[in-house]
Each structure stands twice: as structure tokens, then as C-alpha cells.
Amino acid sequence: MISPSKTNRKLRKTGNYTYMLTLPKEWVKALKWRAKQMVTLELKDDHIVIKDVKSK
């Protein structure tokens, strides 16, 4: 079963300067991503866009 397109997650503090966020397994599988996937993070106004490094 695929997760809904929205979900709530907690930010977790992992160090003095770093936070971590988890993604639902179903989303990662749907995107055909894998462990150690390289992604690009882009801050746009008030949201974050996450993309596969290979996608254009």
C-alpha cells in the first residue's frame, strides 16, 4: 500500500549543527531510490525541494 502524498514527521537533532528527517519507505520505493542515494536539497521560499542528483 502506498502512503498518502502528505505525512507528518519529526525533525531529530543529531548534533550541534545537524538535523535528520526520515522518508516513508513506500515513497523511496516509488521513486526507485536506494540506500546512500545522492539527492539535491534546494531551499525555495518556505519549503525544501528534494531531487535525485541525476534528475534534471
Protein backbone atom coordinates (compact mmCIF):
# COMPACT_ATOMS: atom_id res chain seq x y z
CA MET A 1 0.00 0.00 0.00
CA ILE A 2 1.37 3.43 -0.98
CA SER A 3 1.44 6.14 1.68
CA PRO A 4 -0.58 9.29 1.12
CA SER A 5 1.15 12.21 -0.62
CA LYS A 6 1.38 14.04 2.73
CA THR A 7 2.74 12.84 6.03
CA ASN A 8 3.93 14.40 9.29
CA ARG A 9 7.45 13.73 10.53
CA LYS A 10 9.54 15.00 13.45
CA LEU A 11 12.90 16.65 12.91
CA ARG A 12 15.54 14.94 15.02
CA LYS A 13 18.64 16.71 16.24
CA THR A 14 21.74 14.64 15.52
CA GLY A 15 24.48 17.08 16.50
CA ASN A 16 25.14 20.71 17.27
CA TYR A 17 24.51 21.79 13.66
CA THR A 18 22.58 18.91 12.05
CA TYR A 19 19.00 17.69 11.92
CA MET A 20 17.64 14.47 10.41
CA LEU A 21 14.34 13.67 8.76
CA THR A 22 13.12 10.24 7.66
CA LEU A 23 11.19 9.46 4.48
CA PRO A 24 8.47 6.81 4.21
CA LYS A 25 9.79 3.57 2.71
CA GLU A 26 6.93 3.49 0.18
CA TRP A 27 7.96 6.91 -1.18
CA VAL A 28 11.58 5.84 -1.60
CA LYS A 29 10.50 2.66 -3.39
CA ALA A 30 8.08 4.59 -5.63
CA LEU A 31 10.92 6.93 -6.65
CA LYS A 32 13.20 3.91 -7.21
CA TRP A 33 15.74 5.38 -4.81
CA ARG A 34 18.07 3.24 -2.71
CA ALA A 35 20.24 3.45 0.39
CA LYS A 36 23.02 6.04 0.03
CA GLN A 37 21.08 7.76 -2.77
CA MET A 38 22.61 11.13 -3.64
CA VAL A 39 19.98 13.87 -3.59
CA THR A 40 19.98 17.62 -4.03
CA LEU A 41 18.27 19.81 -1.43
CA GLU A 42 17.01 23.21 -2.53
CA LEU A 43 15.50 25.84 -0.26
CA LYS A 44 12.67 27.63 -2.10
CA ASP A 45 10.89 30.35 -0.16
CA ASP A 46 9.29 28.48 2.76
CA HIS A 47 9.80 24.87 1.61
CA ILE A 48 12.51 22.36 0.69
CA VAL A 49 12.69 20.52 -2.64
CA ILE A 50 14.48 17.14 -2.66
CA LYS A 51 15.57 15.70 -6.02
CA ASP A 52 17.67 12.84 -7.29
CA VAL A 53 21.07 14.24 -8.30
CA LYS A 54 20.65 12.60 -11.72
CA SER A 55 17.23 14.16 -12.46
CA LYS A 56 17.13 17.45 -14.35
